[in-house]
Amino acid sequence: MSVRASRIGGVVLVRQASTPATRQACFGAQDALDARGREAAAALKGRLPEAREALASPCLSAFQTASLAGFAPVRTDPALADADYGAWSGRPLTAIERDDPDGLAAWLTDADAAPHGGEPLRALLARVATWLDDDARGNAPVVAVVPAVIVKAAVVHALEAPPVAVRRLKIDPASVTELHGGPGRWTVARLNQAMDPAVAARPAPRRTPS
């Protein structure tokens, strides 16, 4: 029987490790881990709480991160998928700044805007909130390896912060964020924590599209 995180346990969210697209700040890229990402993911092994179920976003880099971190089996959960960035998917932030500055400005400030034709921020926040409140239950911590925006959405929901707060959070590759509590009383126990100081000391991309 699978057991998810409980009100006395926690939800441990791991941002998937880096890929070539991470360095370019691409929207919703689906590529594999790069060498640095594989090293960072392997460094997570033995440093994360034990979990009776390990979840991953349905993308290659998340599954690879969870596997290299020592979790098996790993179940992919569509509720933890990256945002649907529509026409922006796979494109770097710099290209969107150049080609669609008005659309980007709207996307950054309006939670209902979807200039890319994909998923608005408010819809993503609702999706993550539903997963966190309705599915993350049981008697042991759940570990979920997910894109940065999913971590940010979970933190915003836990803090009952406005949607735009998603843009104010920084979540590094292979970092750990942990939530305790339950629906209506989530608390952020740790945020964007690097588990391997040697890996964390190396320069990381300064900008992310999420």
C-alpha atoms as a PDB file:
ATOM      1  CA  MET A   1       0.000   0.000   0.000  1.00  0.00           C
ATOM      2  CA  SER A   2       1.392   3.385  -0.934  1.00  0.00           C
ATOM      3  CA  VAL A   3       1.561   5.918   1.865  1.00  0.00           C
ATOM      4  CA  ARG A   4       1.845   9.627   1.279  1.00  0.00           C
ATOM      5  CA  ALA A   5       2.904  12.525   3.479  1.00  0.00           C
ATOM      6  CA  SER A   6       0.861  13.099   6.594  1.00  0.00           C
ATOM      7  CA  ARG A   7       0.013  16.039   8.753  1.00  0.00           C
ATOM      8  CA  ILE A   8       2.662  14.864  11.190  1.00  0.00           C
ATOM      9  CA  GLY A   9       5.106  14.108   8.420  1.00  0.00           C
ATOM     10  CA  GLY A  10       6.060  16.283   5.514  1.00  0.00           C
ATOM     11  CA  VAL A  11       6.081  16.868   1.800  1.00  0.00           C
ATOM     12  CA  VAL A  12       9.639  17.027   0.471  1.00  0.00           C
ATOM     13  CA  LEU A  13       9.909  18.753  -2.891  1.00  0.00           C
ATOM     14  CA  VAL A  14      13.131  18.391  -4.840  1.00  0.00           C
ATOM     15  CA  ARG A  15      13.695  20.540  -7.874  1.00  0.00           C
ATOM     16  CA  GLN A  16      14.986  18.364 -10.691  1.00  0.00           C
ATOM     17  CA  ALA A  17      18.712  18.742 -11.330  1.00  0.00           C
ATOM     18  CA  SER A  18      20.154  20.799 -14.167  1.00  0.00           C
ATOM     19  CA  THR A  19      19.891  20.149 -17.889  1.00  0.00           C
ATOM     20  CA  PRO A  20      21.391  22.005 -20.863  1.00  0.00           C
ATOM     21  CA  ALA A  21      18.164  24.026 -21.026  1.00  0.00           C
ATOM     22  CA  THR A  22      18.598  25.142 -17.414  1.00  0.00           C
ATOM     23  CA  ARG A  23      21.641  27.197 -18.382  1.00  0.00           C
ATOM     24  CA  GLN A  24      19.620  28.908 -21.105  1.00  0.00           C
ATOM     25  CA  ALA A  25      16.563  29.495 -18.885  1.00  0.00           C
ATOM     26  CA  CYS A  26      14.261  27.700 -21.312  1.00  0.00           C
ATOM     27  CA  PHE A  27      10.519  27.368 -20.781  1.00  0.00           C
ATOM     28  CA  GLY A  28       9.335  23.832 -20.112  1.00  0.00           C
ATOM     29  CA  ALA A  29      12.254  22.036 -21.732  1.00  0.00           C
ATOM     30  CA  GLN A  30      12.115  18.226 -21.718  1.00  0.00           C
ATOM     31  CA  ASP A  31      15.809  17.370 -22.104  1.00  0.00           C
ATOM     32  CA  ALA A  32      17.940  14.979 -20.057  1.00  0.00           C
ATOM     33  CA  LEU A  33      20.247  15.868 -17.176  1.00  0.00           C
ATOM     34  CA  ASP A  34      23.653  17.273 -18.063  1.00  0.00           C
ATOM     35  CA  ALA A  35      26.882  16.146 -16.356  1.00  0.00           C
ATOM     36  CA  ARG A  36      26.472  18.644 -13.540  1.00  0.00           C
ATOM     37  CA  GLY A  37      22.864  17.585 -13.084  1.00  0.00           C
ATOM     38  CA  ARG A  38      23.760  13.917 -12.846  1.00  0.00           C
ATOM     39  CA  GLU A  39      26.414  14.718 -10.243  1.00  0.00           C
ATOM     40  CA  ALA A  40      24.012  16.843  -8.192  1.00  0.00           C
ATOM     41  CA  ALA A  41      21.268  14.219  -8.384  1.00  0.00           C
ATOM     42  CA  ALA A  42      23.642  11.460  -7.272  1.00  0.00           C
ATOM     43  CA  ALA A  43      24.752  13.682  -4.364  1.00  0.00           C
ATOM     44  CA  LEU A  44      21.177  13.591  -3.048  1.00  0.00           C
ATOM     45  CA  LYS A  45      21.407   9.870  -2.367  1.00  0.00           C
ATOM     46  CA  GLY A  46      21.207   9.190   1.349  1.00  0.00           C
ATOM     47  CA  ARG A  47      20.524  12.863   2.144  1.00  0.00           C
ATOM     48  CA  LEU A  48      16.747  12.864   1.719  1.00  0.00           C
ATOM     49  CA  PRO A  49      14.097  11.489   4.091  1.00  0.00           C
ATOM     50  CA  GLU A  50      12.956   7.936   3.555  1.00  0.00           C
ATOM     51  CA  ALA A  51       9.633   7.759   1.777  1.00  0.00           C
ATOM     52  CA  ARG A  52       7.253   4.917   1.065  1.00  0.00           C
ATOM     53  CA  GLU A  53       6.459   6.547  -2.255  1.00  0.00           C
ATOM     54  CA  ALA A  54       8.662   8.635  -4.537  1.00  0.00           C
ATOM     55  CA  LEU A  55       6.932  10.774  -7.125  1.00  0.00           C
ATOM     56  CA  ALA A  56       8.253  12.628 -10.137  1.00  0.00           C
ATOM     57  CA  SER A  57       7.002  15.085 -12.665  1.00  0.00           C
ATOM     58  CA  PRO A  58       6.373  13.335 -16.003  1.00  0.00           C
ATOM     59  CA  CYS A  59       9.571  14.536 -17.667  1.00  0.00           C
ATOM     60  CA  LEU A  60      12.891  12.792 -18.227  1.00  0.00           C
ATOM     61  CA  SER A  61      15.049  15.015 -16.025  1.00  0.00           C
ATOM     62  CA  ALA A  62      12.761  14.612 -13.004  1.00  0.00           C
ATOM     63  CA  PHE A  63      12.703  10.830 -13.357  1.00  0.00           C
ATOM     64  CA  GLN A  64      16.488  10.745 -13.789  1.00  0.00           C
ATOM     65  CA  THR A  65      16.977  12.927 -10.704  1.00  0.00           C
ATOM     66  CA  ALA A  66      14.774  10.686  -8.564  1.00  0.00           C
ATOM     67  CA  SER A  67      16.483   7.537  -9.818  1.00  0.00           C
ATOM     68  CA  LEU A  68      20.017   8.850  -9.282  1.00  0.00           C
ATOM     69  CA  ALA A  69      18.978  10.010  -5.811  1.00  0.00           C
ATOM     70  CA  GLY A  70      18.296   6.364  -4.991  1.00  0.00           C
ATOM     71  CA  PHE A  71      14.521   6.164  -5.153  1.00  0.00           C
ATOM     72  CA  ALA A  72      12.894   3.098  -6.707  1.00  0.00           C
ATOM     73  CA  PRO A  73      10.290   2.610  -7.875  1.00  0.00           C
ATOM     74  CA  VAL A  74       9.432   6.129  -8.982  1.00  0.00           C
ATOM     75  CA  ARG A  75       5.857   6.952  -9.961  1.00  0.00           C
ATOM     76  CA  THR A  76       5.206   9.824 -12.328  1.00  0.00           C
ATOM     77  CA  ASP A  77       2.256  12.020 -11.436  1.00  0.00           C
ATOM     78  CA  PRO A  78       0.631  14.239 -14.092  1.00  0.00           C
ATOM     79  CA  ALA A  79      -0.496  16.664 -11.383  1.00  0.00           C
ATOM     80  CA  LEU A  80       3.185  17.539 -10.908  1.00  0.00           C
ATOM     81  CA  ALA A  81       3.858  18.291 -14.570  1.00  0.00           C
ATOM     82  CA  ASP A  82       5.613  21.503 -15.513  1.00  0.00           C
ATOM     83  CA  ALA A  83       3.429  24.377 -16.644  1.00  0.00           C
ATOM     84  CA  ASP A  84       2.159  24.201 -20.199  1.00  0.00           C
ATOM     85  CA  TYR A  85       3.978  27.121 -21.822  1.00  0.00           C
ATOM     86  CA  GLY A  86       2.298  26.671 -25.176  1.00  0.00           C
ATOM     87  CA  ALA A  87       4.200  28.371 -27.991  1.00  0.00           C
ATOM     88  CA  TRP A  88       7.007  29.296 -25.599  1.00  0.00           C
ATOM     89  CA  SER A  89       7.841  25.675 -24.730  1.00  0.00           C
ATOM     90  CA  GLY A  90      11.528  24.898 -25.192  1.00  0.00           C
ATOM     91  CA  ARG A  91      12.416  28.519 -26.007  1.00  0.00           C
ATOM     92  CA  PRO A  92      14.861  30.547 -23.881  1.00  0.00           C
ATOM     93  CA  LEU A  93      13.684  33.509 -21.851  1.00  0.00           C
ATOM     94  CA  THR A  94      15.938  35.860 -23.830  1.00  0.00           C
ATOM     95  CA  ALA A  95      14.114  34.937 -27.049  1.00  0.00           C
ATOM     96  CA  ILE A  96      10.715  35.675 -25.513  1.00  0.00           C
ATOM     97  CA  GLU A  97      12.002  38.996 -24.192  1.00  0.00           C
ATOM     98  CA  ARG A  98      13.034  39.864 -27.742  1.00  0.00           C
ATOM     99  CA  ASP A  99      10.064  38.490 -29.689  1.00  0.00           C
ATOM    100  CA  ASP A 100       7.114  39.011 -27.341  1.00  0.00           C
ATOM    101  CA  PRO A 101       7.966  41.636 -24.696  1.00  0.00           C
ATOM    102  CA  ASP A 102       4.326  42.638 -24.171  1.00  0.00           C
ATOM    103  CA  GLY A 103       3.269  39.036 -23.732  1.00  0.00           C
ATOM    104  CA  LEU A 104       6.086  38.413 -21.282  1.00  0.00           C
ATOM    105  CA  ALA A 105       5.159  41.523 -19.283  1.00  0.00           C
ATOM    106  CA  ALA A 106       1.561  40.319 -19.050  1.00  0.00           C
ATOM    107  CA  TRP A 107       2.636  36.827 -18.047  1.00  0.00           C
ATOM    108  CA  LEU A 108       4.846  38.217 -15.272  1.00  0.00           C
ATOM    109  CA  THR A 109       2.154  40.411 -13.736  1.00  0.00           C
ATOM    110  CA  ASP A 110      -1.237  38.816 -14.486  1.00  0.00           C
ATOM    111  CA  ALA A 111      -2.022  35.394 -13.029  1.00  0.00           C
ATOM    112  CA  ASP A 112      -4.743  34.860 -15.631  1.00  0.00           C
ATOM    113  CA  ALA A 113      -2.642  35.800 -18.656  1.00  0.00           C
ATOM    114  CA  ALA A 114      -1.632  33.088 -21.123  1.00  0.00           C
ATOM    115  CA  PRO A 115       0.053  34.927 -24.014  1.00  0.00           C
ATOM    116  CA  HIS A 116       1.775  31.676 -24.978  1.00  0.00           C
ATOM    117  CA  GLY A 117      -1.561  29.916 -25.416  1.00  0.00           C
ATOM    118  CA  GLY A 118      -0.842  27.447 -22.621  1.00  0.00           C
ATOM    119  CA  GLU A 119      -1.672  27.233 -18.920  1.00  0.00           C
ATOM    120  CA  PRO A 120      -2.259  30.441 -16.931  1.00  0.00           C
ATOM    121  CA  LEU A 121      -0.456  30.775 -13.618  1.00  0.00           C
ATOM    122  CA  ARG A 122      -3.708  30.718 -11.653  1.00  0.00           C
ATOM    123  CA  ALA A 123      -4.635  27.351 -13.176  1.00  0.00           C
ATOM    124  CA  LEU A 124      -1.230  25.915 -12.307  1.00  0.00           C
ATOM    125  CA  LEU A 125      -1.521  27.173  -8.728  1.00  0.00           C
ATOM    126  CA  ALA A 126      -4.937  25.523  -8.409  1.00  0.00           C
ATOM    127  CA  ARG A 127      -3.574  22.248  -9.782  1.00  0.00           C
ATOM    128  CA  VAL A 128      -0.696  22.149  -7.308  1.00  0.00           C
ATOM    129  CA  ALA A 129      -2.905  23.217  -4.395  1.00  0.00           C
ATOM    130  CA  THR A 130      -5.319  20.378  -5.167  1.00  0.00           C
ATOM    131  CA  TRP A 131      -2.486  17.856  -5.251  1.00  0.00           C
ATOM    132  CA  LEU A 132      -0.976  19.148  -2.030  1.00  0.00           C
ATOM    133  CA  ASP A 133      -4.225  19.255  -0.069  1.00  0.00           C
ATOM    134  CA  ASP A 134      -6.064  16.256  -1.484  1.00  0.00           C
ATOM    135  CA  ASP A 135      -3.398  13.722  -2.435  1.00  0.00           C
ATOM    136  CA  ALA A 136      -0.411  14.242  -0.132  1.00  0.00           C
ATOM    137  CA  ARG A 137      -1.644  12.254   2.853  1.00  0.00           C
ATOM    138  CA  GLY A 138      -0.573   9.165   4.791  1.00  0.00           C
ATOM    139  CA  ASN A 139       1.854   8.191   7.512  1.00  0.00           C
ATOM    140  CA  ALA A 140       5.278   8.890   5.993  1.00  0.00           C
ATOM    141  CA  PRO A 141       6.902  11.711   4.034  1.00  0.00           C
ATOM    142  CA  VAL A 142       6.435  11.826   0.306  1.00  0.00           C
ATOM    143  CA  VAL A 143       9.353  12.920  -1.849  1.00  0.00           C
ATOM    144  CA  ALA A 144       8.458  14.515  -5.165  1.00  0.00           C
ATOM    145  CA  VAL A 145      10.979  15.574  -7.813  1.00  0.00           C
ATOM    146  CA  VAL A 146       9.482  18.420  -9.790  1.00  0.00           C
ATOM    147  CA  PRO A 147      10.221  21.543 -11.861  1.00  0.00           C
ATOM    148  CA  ALA A 148      10.960  24.805 -10.067  1.00  0.00           C
ATOM    149  CA  VAL A 149       7.536  26.303 -10.743  1.00  0.00           C
ATOM    150  CA  ILE A 150       5.814  23.393  -8.964  1.00  0.00           C
ATOM    151  CA  VAL A 151       7.924  23.996  -5.855  1.00  0.00           C
ATOM    152  CA  LYS A 152       7.119  27.701  -6.018  1.00  0.00           C
ATOM    153  CA  ALA A 153       3.404  27.038  -6.424  1.00  0.00           C
ATOM    154  CA  ALA A 154       3.392  24.736  -3.401  1.00  0.00           C
ATOM    155  CA  VAL A 155       5.172  27.337  -1.257  1.00  0.00           C
ATOM    156  CA  VAL A 156       2.794  30.091  -2.379  1.00  0.00           C
ATOM    157  CA  HIS A 157      -0.167  27.865  -1.476  1.00  0.00           C
ATOM    158  CA  ALA A 158       1.332  26.982   1.915  1.00  0.00           C
ATOM    159  CA  LEU A 159       1.896  30.652   2.750  1.00  0.00           C
ATOM    160  CA  GLU A 160      -1.459  31.746   1.301  1.00  0.00           C
ATOM    161  CA  ALA A 161       0.517  34.322  -0.673  1.00  0.00           C
ATOM    162  CA  PRO A 162      -0.767  36.117  -3.786  1.00  0.00           C
ATOM    163  CA  PRO A 163      -0.070  34.420  -7.131  1.00  0.00           C
ATOM    164  CA  VAL A 164       2.568  36.987  -8.141  1.00  0.00           C
ATOM    165  CA  ALA A 165       4.705  35.735  -5.232  1.00  0.00           C
ATOM    166  CA  VAL A 166       5.669  32.822  -7.502  1.00  0.00           C
ATOM    167  CA  ARG A 167       7.877  35.274  -9.413  1.00  0.00           C
ATOM    168  CA  ARG A 168       9.659  36.298  -6.194  1.00  0.00           C
ATOM    169  CA  LEU A 169      10.949  32.857  -5.246  1.00  0.00           C
ATOM    170  CA  LYS A 170      14.291  31.360  -6.248  1.00  0.00           C
ATOM    171  CA  ILE A 171      14.528  27.584  -6.415  1.00  0.00           C
ATOM    172  CA  ASP A 172      17.872  26.113  -7.493  1.00  0.00           C
ATOM    173  CA  PRO A 173      18.385  22.805  -9.317  1.00  0.00           C
ATOM    174  CA  ALA A 174      18.588  19.801  -6.965  1.00  0.00           C
ATOM    175  CA  SER A 175      17.532  21.936  -3.987  1.00  0.00           C
ATOM    176  CA  VAL A 176      15.108  20.733  -1.322  1.00  0.00           C
ATOM    177  CA  THR A 177      11.985  22.441   0.005  1.00  0.00           C
ATOM    178  CA  GLU A 178       9.923  20.852   2.768  1.00  0.00           C
ATOM    179  CA  LEU A 179       6.367  21.543   3.889  1.00  0.00           C
ATOM    180  CA  HIS A 180       4.725  20.304   7.080  1.00  0.00           C
ATOM    181  CA  GLY A 181       1.135  20.421   8.235  1.00  0.00           C
ATOM    182  CA  GLY A 182      -1.957  19.896   6.151  1.00  0.00           C
ATOM    183  CA  PRO A 183      -4.756  21.700   4.339  1.00  0.00           C
ATOM    184  CA  GLY A 184      -5.231  25.161   5.791  1.00  0.00           C
ATOM    185  CA  ARG A 185      -2.194  24.972   8.043  1.00  0.00           C
ATOM    186  CA  TRP A 186       0.849  24.243   5.937  1.00  0.00           C
ATOM    187  CA  THR A 187       4.195  25.604   7.118  1.00  0.00           C
ATOM    188  CA  VAL A 188       7.466  25.914   5.197  1.00  0.00           C
ATOM    189  CA  ALA A 189      10.071  23.939   7.140  1.00  0.00           C
ATOM    190  CA  ARG A 190      12.919  24.602   4.698  1.00  0.00           C
ATOM    191  CA  LEU A 191      13.231  26.390   1.394  1.00  0.00           C
ATOM    192  CA  ASN A 192      15.696  25.998  -1.492  1.00  0.00           C
ATOM    193  CA  GLN A 193      18.204  24.086   0.629  1.00  0.00           C
ATOM    194  CA  ALA A 194      21.286  22.735  -1.129  1.00  0.00           C
ATOM    195  CA  MET A 195      22.065  19.219   0.057  1.00  0.00           C
ATOM    196  CA  ASP A 196      25.652  19.055  -1.215  1.00  0.00           C
ATOM    197  CA  PRO A 197      27.765  22.161  -0.410  1.00  0.00           C
ATOM    198  CA  ALA A 198      30.371  21.223  -3.032  1.00  0.00           C
ATOM    199  CA  VAL A 199      27.776  21.179  -5.785  1.00  0.00           C
ATOM    200  CA  ALA A 200      25.952  24.235  -4.459  1.00  0.00           C
ATOM    201  CA  ALA A 201      29.146  26.325  -4.441  1.00  0.00           C
ATOM    202  CA  ARG A 202      29.375  26.268  -8.222  1.00  0.00           C
ATOM    203  CA  PRO A 203      27.722  29.126 -10.117  1.00  0.00           C
ATOM    204  CA  ALA A 204      24.172  28.365 -11.231  1.00  0.00           C
ATOM    205  CA  PRO A 205      21.982  30.090 -13.803  1.00  0.00           C
ATOM    206  CA  ARG A 206      20.851  33.472 -12.471  1.00  0.00           C
ATOM    207  CA  ARG A 207      17.494  33.521 -14.198  1.00  0.00           C
ATOM    208  CA  THR A 208      14.714  31.017 -14.624  1.00  0.00           C
ATOM    209  CA  PRO A 209      11.570  31.488 -16.716  1.00  0.00           C
ATOM    210  CA  SER A 210       9.308  30.293 -13.905  1.00  0.00           C
END
